Amino acid sequence: MIQENELITFILCLGALFFIIINYVKLKSLPGLRIFIISFTLFTMGWFFTVIEGVIFEETFNLIEHMCYICSSIMMIIWTLIFFKKRSVNEFNRDN
């Protein structure tokens, strides 16, 4: 059974992902942007599988959903480390 809150969250994730993609040129200055986009895409896929698990193969899609969340979290940690490392290097270079 599909739950409305899961479907609404998935639709909101799609909207945010669409916003990120259409503003790709403006966001290019962010360090590790591709990693961020991959992370957010995996997060959105997790919500997609959350919705699908309510219809068919509950256990299988539940496993896939949680794997997407784990991979998304790992990618987000990597992106955060890259972002703050490059940010601190840029601040150091600007001060000197």
N, C-alpha and C. Protein backbone atom coordinates (compact mmCIF):
# COMPACT_ATOMS: atom_id res chain seq x y z
N MET A 1 0.84 -1.18 0.00
CA MET A 1 0.00 0.00 0.00
C MET A 1 0.89 1.25 0.00
N ILE A 2 0.61 2.14 -0.91
CA ILE A 2 1.38 3.38 -1.01
C ILE A 2 0.88 4.36 0.05
N GLN A 3 1.84 4.94 0.78
CA GLN A 3 1.48 5.94 1.77
C GLN A 3 1.67 7.33 1.17
N GLU A 4 0.72 8.20 1.41
CA GLU A 4 0.72 9.51 0.80
C GLU A 4 1.95 10.33 1.16
N ASN A 5 2.38 10.26 2.43
CA ASN A 5 3.53 11.07 2.85
C ASN A 5 4.81 10.64 2.12
N GLU A 6 4.95 9.36 1.84
CA GLU A 6 6.12 8.87 1.11
C GLU A 6 6.08 9.36 -0.34
N LEU A 7 4.91 9.34 -0.95
CA LEU A 7 4.77 9.80 -2.32
C LEU A 7 5.04 11.30 -2.41
N ILE A 8 4.52 12.06 -1.47
CA ILE A 8 4.74 13.52 -1.46
C ILE A 8 6.23 13.83 -1.28
N THR A 9 6.90 13.12 -0.38
CA THR A 9 8.33 13.34 -0.17
C THR A 9 9.12 13.00 -1.43
N PHE A 10 8.75 11.94 -2.10
CA PHE A 10 9.42 11.58 -3.35
C PHE A 10 9.23 12.68 -4.40
N ILE A 11 8.03 13.21 -4.51
CA ILE A 11 7.77 14.28 -5.48
C ILE A 11 8.58 15.53 -5.13
N LEU A 12 8.68 15.85 -3.85
CA LEU A 12 9.50 16.99 -3.43
C LEU A 12 10.97 16.77 -3.75
N CYS A 13 11.45 15.55 -3.56
CA CYS A 13 12.84 15.22 -3.91
C CYS A 13 13.07 15.38 -5.40
N LEU A 14 12.12 14.94 -6.21
CA LEU A 14 12.24 15.11 -7.66
C LEU A 14 12.32 16.59 -8.03
N GLY A 15 11.50 17.40 -7.38
CA GLY A 15 11.53 18.84 -7.63
C GLY A 15 12.88 19.45 -7.27
N ALA A 16 13.43 19.05 -6.13
CA ALA A 16 14.74 19.57 -5.72
C ALA A 16 15.84 19.09 -6.67
N LEU A 17 15.76 17.83 -7.09
CA LEU A 17 16.75 17.30 -8.04
C LEU A 17 16.65 18.03 -9.38
N PHE A 18 15.45 18.29 -9.83
CA PHE A 18 15.24 19.04 -11.06
C PHE A 18 15.86 20.44 -10.94
N PHE A 19 15.64 21.09 -9.80
CA PHE A 19 16.21 22.42 -9.54
C PHE A 19 17.73 22.39 -9.60
N ILE A 20 18.33 21.35 -9.00
CA ILE A 20 19.79 21.22 -9.01
C ILE A 20 20.29 21.03 -10.44
N ILE A 21 19.61 20.21 -11.22
CA ILE A 21 20.05 19.92 -12.58
C ILE A 21 19.91 21.15 -13.48
N ILE A 22 18.81 21.88 -13.38
CA ILE A 22 18.66 23.05 -14.26
C ILE A 22 19.59 24.19 -13.86
N ASN A 23 20.08 24.19 -12.63
CA ASN A 23 21.02 25.21 -12.19
C ASN A 23 22.46 24.69 -12.15
N TYR A 24 22.72 23.63 -12.90
CA TYR A 24 24.04 23.00 -12.90
C TYR A 24 25.15 24.00 -13.25
N VAL A 25 24.94 24.84 -14.24
CA VAL A 25 25.95 25.79 -14.66
C VAL A 25 26.28 26.76 -13.53
N LYS A 26 25.27 27.23 -12.83
CA LYS A 26 25.49 28.16 -11.71
C LYS A 26 26.16 27.48 -10.53
N LEU A 27 25.92 26.18 -10.36
CA LEU A 27 26.47 25.45 -9.22
C LEU A 27 27.85 24.87 -9.50
N LYS A 28 28.36 25.02 -10.73
CA LYS A 28 29.64 24.44 -11.09
C LYS A 28 30.79 24.91 -10.21
N SER A 29 30.67 26.06 -9.60
CA SER A 29 31.75 26.57 -8.76
C SER A 29 31.88 25.82 -7.43
N LEU A 30 30.87 25.04 -7.08
CA LEU A 30 30.96 24.25 -5.85
C LEU A 30 31.95 23.10 -6.03
N PRO A 31 32.87 22.93 -5.09
CA PRO A 31 33.80 21.79 -5.20
C PRO A 31 33.04 20.46 -5.09
N GLY A 32 33.40 19.52 -5.93
CA GLY A 32 32.80 18.19 -5.86
C GLY A 32 31.33 18.15 -6.18
N LEU A 33 30.89 18.99 -7.09
CA LEU A 33 29.46 19.07 -7.41
C LEU A 33 28.91 17.74 -7.91
N ARG A 34 29.69 17.03 -8.71
CA ARG A 34 29.21 15.75 -9.24
C ARG A 34 28.92 14.76 -8.11
N ILE A 35 29.77 14.76 -7.10
CA ILE A 35 29.55 13.86 -5.96
C ILE A 35 28.27 14.25 -5.23
N PHE A 36 28.04 15.55 -5.08
CA PHE A 36 26.81 16.02 -4.44
C PHE A 36 25.59 15.58 -5.24
N ILE A 37 25.65 15.72 -6.56
CA ILE A 37 24.50 15.34 -7.40
C ILE A 37 24.27 13.83 -7.32
N ILE A 38 25.34 13.05 -7.33
CA ILE A 38 25.19 11.59 -7.20
C ILE A 38 24.55 11.26 -5.86
N SER A 39 25.00 11.92 -4.80
CA SER A 39 24.44 11.67 -3.47
C SER A 39 22.95 11.99 -3.43
N PHE A 40 22.58 13.13 -3.97
CA PHE A 40 21.17 13.52 -3.95
C PHE A 40 20.32 12.62 -4.84
N THR A 41 20.90 12.18 -5.96
CA THR A 41 20.18 11.25 -6.84
C THR A 41 19.94 9.92 -6.14
N LEU A 42 20.95 9.41 -5.43
CA LEU A 42 20.77 8.18 -4.67
C LEU A 42 19.70 8.35 -3.58
N PHE A 43 19.70 9.51 -2.95
CA PHE A 43 18.69 9.81 -1.93
C PHE A 43 17.28 9.79 -2.55
N THR A 44 17.15 10.40 -3.72
CA THR A 44 15.87 10.42 -4.42
C THR A 44 15.45 9.02 -4.84
N MET A 45 16.43 8.23 -5.30
CA MET A 45 16.13 6.84 -5.66
C MET A 45 15.65 6.05 -4.44
N GLY A 46 16.23 6.34 -3.27
CA GLY A 46 15.77 5.69 -2.05
C GLY A 46 14.30 5.97 -1.79
N TRP A 47 13.89 7.23 -1.99
CA TRP A 47 12.48 7.57 -1.80
C TRP A 47 11.61 6.91 -2.87
N PHE A 48 12.14 6.79 -4.09
CA PHE A 48 11.41 6.10 -5.15
C PHE A 48 11.16 4.64 -4.73
N PHE A 49 12.19 3.97 -4.23
CA PHE A 49 12.03 2.58 -3.83
C PHE A 49 11.14 2.45 -2.60
N THR A 50 11.08 3.49 -1.78
CA THR A 50 10.15 3.49 -0.65
C THR A 50 8.71 3.43 -1.15
N VAL A 51 8.44 4.20 -2.19
CA VAL A 51 7.08 4.20 -2.76
C VAL A 51 6.79 2.86 -3.44
N ILE A 52 7.76 2.36 -4.20
CA ILE A 52 7.56 1.11 -4.95
C ILE A 52 7.36 -0.08 -4.01
N GLU A 53 8.07 -0.07 -2.87
CA GLU A 53 7.95 -1.22 -1.96
C GLU A 53 6.53 -1.38 -1.43
N GLY A 54 5.75 -0.32 -1.48
CA GLY A 54 4.36 -0.41 -1.06
C GLY A 54 3.48 -1.13 -2.05
N VAL A 55 4.01 -1.38 -3.25
CA VAL A 55 3.23 -2.00 -4.31
C VAL A 55 3.65 -3.45 -4.54
N ILE A 56 4.95 -3.68 -4.75
CA ILE A 56 5.44 -5.03 -5.06
C ILE A 56 6.77 -5.30 -4.37
N PHE A 57 7.09 -6.56 -4.19
CA PHE A 57 8.38 -7.03 -3.67
C PHE A 57 8.87 -6.18 -2.48
N GLU A 58 8.08 -6.14 -1.44
CA GLU A 58 8.34 -5.27 -0.29
C GLU A 58 9.75 -5.45 0.27
N GLU A 59 10.15 -6.68 0.53
CA GLU A 59 11.46 -6.91 1.16
C GLU A 59 12.60 -6.55 0.23
N THR A 60 12.48 -6.87 -1.04
CA THR A 60 13.54 -6.58 -2.01
C THR A 60 13.74 -5.07 -2.17
N PHE A 61 12.65 -4.35 -2.38
CA PHE A 61 12.77 -2.92 -2.57
C PHE A 61 13.14 -2.20 -1.27
N ASN A 62 12.78 -2.77 -0.15
CA ASN A 62 13.20 -2.20 1.13
C ASN A 62 14.72 -2.28 1.27
N LEU A 63 15.29 -3.42 0.88
CA LEU A 63 16.74 -3.58 0.90
C LEU A 63 17.41 -2.60 -0.05
N ILE A 64 16.90 -2.49 -1.26
CA ILE A 64 17.47 -1.56 -2.24
C ILE A 64 17.36 -0.12 -1.73
N GLU A 65 16.23 0.21 -1.14
CA GLU A 65 16.02 1.55 -0.57
C GLU A 65 17.11 1.88 0.45
N HIS A 66 17.33 0.98 1.37
CA HIS A 66 18.32 1.25 2.42
C HIS A 66 19.75 1.26 1.89
N MET A 67 20.01 0.49 0.86
CA MET A 67 21.33 0.54 0.21
C MET A 67 21.53 1.91 -0.45
N CYS A 68 20.49 2.43 -1.05
CA CYS A 68 20.57 3.78 -1.64
C CYS A 68 20.87 4.82 -0.58
N TYR A 69 20.20 4.71 0.56
CA TYR A 69 20.44 5.67 1.65
C TYR A 69 21.86 5.57 2.19
N ILE A 70 22.37 4.36 2.32
CA ILE A 70 23.75 4.18 2.81
C ILE A 70 24.73 4.79 1.82
N CYS A 71 24.58 4.46 0.54
CA CYS A 71 25.48 5.01 -0.47
C CYS A 71 25.37 6.52 -0.56
N SER A 72 24.15 7.04 -0.46
CA SER A 72 23.94 8.48 -0.48
C SER A 72 24.64 9.16 0.69
N SER A 73 24.54 8.56 1.86
CA SER A 73 25.19 9.13 3.05
C SER A 73 26.70 9.13 2.92
N ILE A 74 27.25 8.05 2.39
CA ILE A 74 28.71 7.98 2.20
C ILE A 74 29.16 9.05 1.21
N MET A 75 28.43 9.18 0.11
CA MET A 75 28.78 10.19 -0.89
C MET A 75 28.65 11.60 -0.31
N MET A 76 27.65 11.84 0.53
CA MET A 76 27.48 13.16 1.13
C MET A 76 28.62 13.48 2.10
N ILE A 77 29.08 12.46 2.84
CA ILE A 77 30.23 12.66 3.73
C ILE A 77 31.47 13.02 2.90
N ILE A 78 31.68 12.30 1.82
CA ILE A 78 32.83 12.58 0.95
C ILE A 78 32.73 13.99 0.39
N TRP A 79 31.54 14.37 -0.08
CA TRP A 79 31.36 15.71 -0.63
C TRP A 79 31.62 16.77 0.43
N THR A 80 31.11 16.56 1.62
CA THR A 80 31.31 17.54 2.70
C THR A 80 32.80 17.70 3.01
N LEU A 81 33.53 16.60 3.07
CA LEU A 81 34.97 16.68 3.33
C LEU A 81 35.68 17.43 2.22
N ILE A 82 35.35 17.14 0.97
CA ILE A 82 35.96 17.84 -0.16
C ILE A 82 35.61 19.33 -0.12
N PHE A 83 34.34 19.63 0.15
CA PHE A 83 33.89 21.02 0.17
C PHE A 83 34.63 21.83 1.21
N PHE A 84 34.70 21.32 2.43
CA PHE A 84 35.35 22.09 3.50
C PHE A 84 36.87 22.11 3.35
N LYS A 85 37.45 21.07 2.78
CA LYS A 85 38.90 21.06 2.55
C LYS A 85 39.26 22.12 1.53
N LYS A 86 38.55 22.16 0.41
CA LYS A 86 38.84 23.17 -0.62
C LYS A 86 38.49 24.56 -0.14
N ARG A 87 37.47 24.67 0.66
CA ARG A 87 37.09 25.98 1.19
C ARG A 87 38.17 26.52 2.12
N SER A 88 38.71 25.66 2.98
CA SER A 88 39.76 26.12 3.91
C SER A 88 41.04 26.44 3.16
N VAL A 89 41.36 25.71 2.09
CA VAL A 89 42.54 26.01 1.28
C VAL A 89 42.37 27.36 0.59
N ASN A 90 41.18 27.62 0.05
CA ASN A 90 40.92 28.90 -0.60
C ASN A 90 40.99 30.06 0.39
N GLU A 91 40.49 29.89 1.58
CA GLU A 91 40.56 30.94 2.60
C GLU A 91 42.00 31.19 3.01
N PHE A 92 42.79 30.12 3.12
CA PHE A 92 44.19 30.25 3.49
C PHE A 92 44.95 31.02 2.40
N ASN A 93 44.70 30.68 1.14
CA ASN A 93 45.37 31.34 0.03
C ASN A 93 44.94 32.80 -0.08
N ARG A 94 43.72 33.10 0.23
CA ARG A 94 43.21 34.46 0.16
C ARG A 94 43.84 35.32 1.25
N ASP A 95 44.10 34.77 2.43
CA ASP A 95 44.68 35.52 3.53
C ASP A 95 46.16 35.83 3.31
N ASN A 96 46.84 35.02 2.52
CA ASN A 96 48.28 35.24 2.29
C ASN A 96 48.56 36.07 1.10
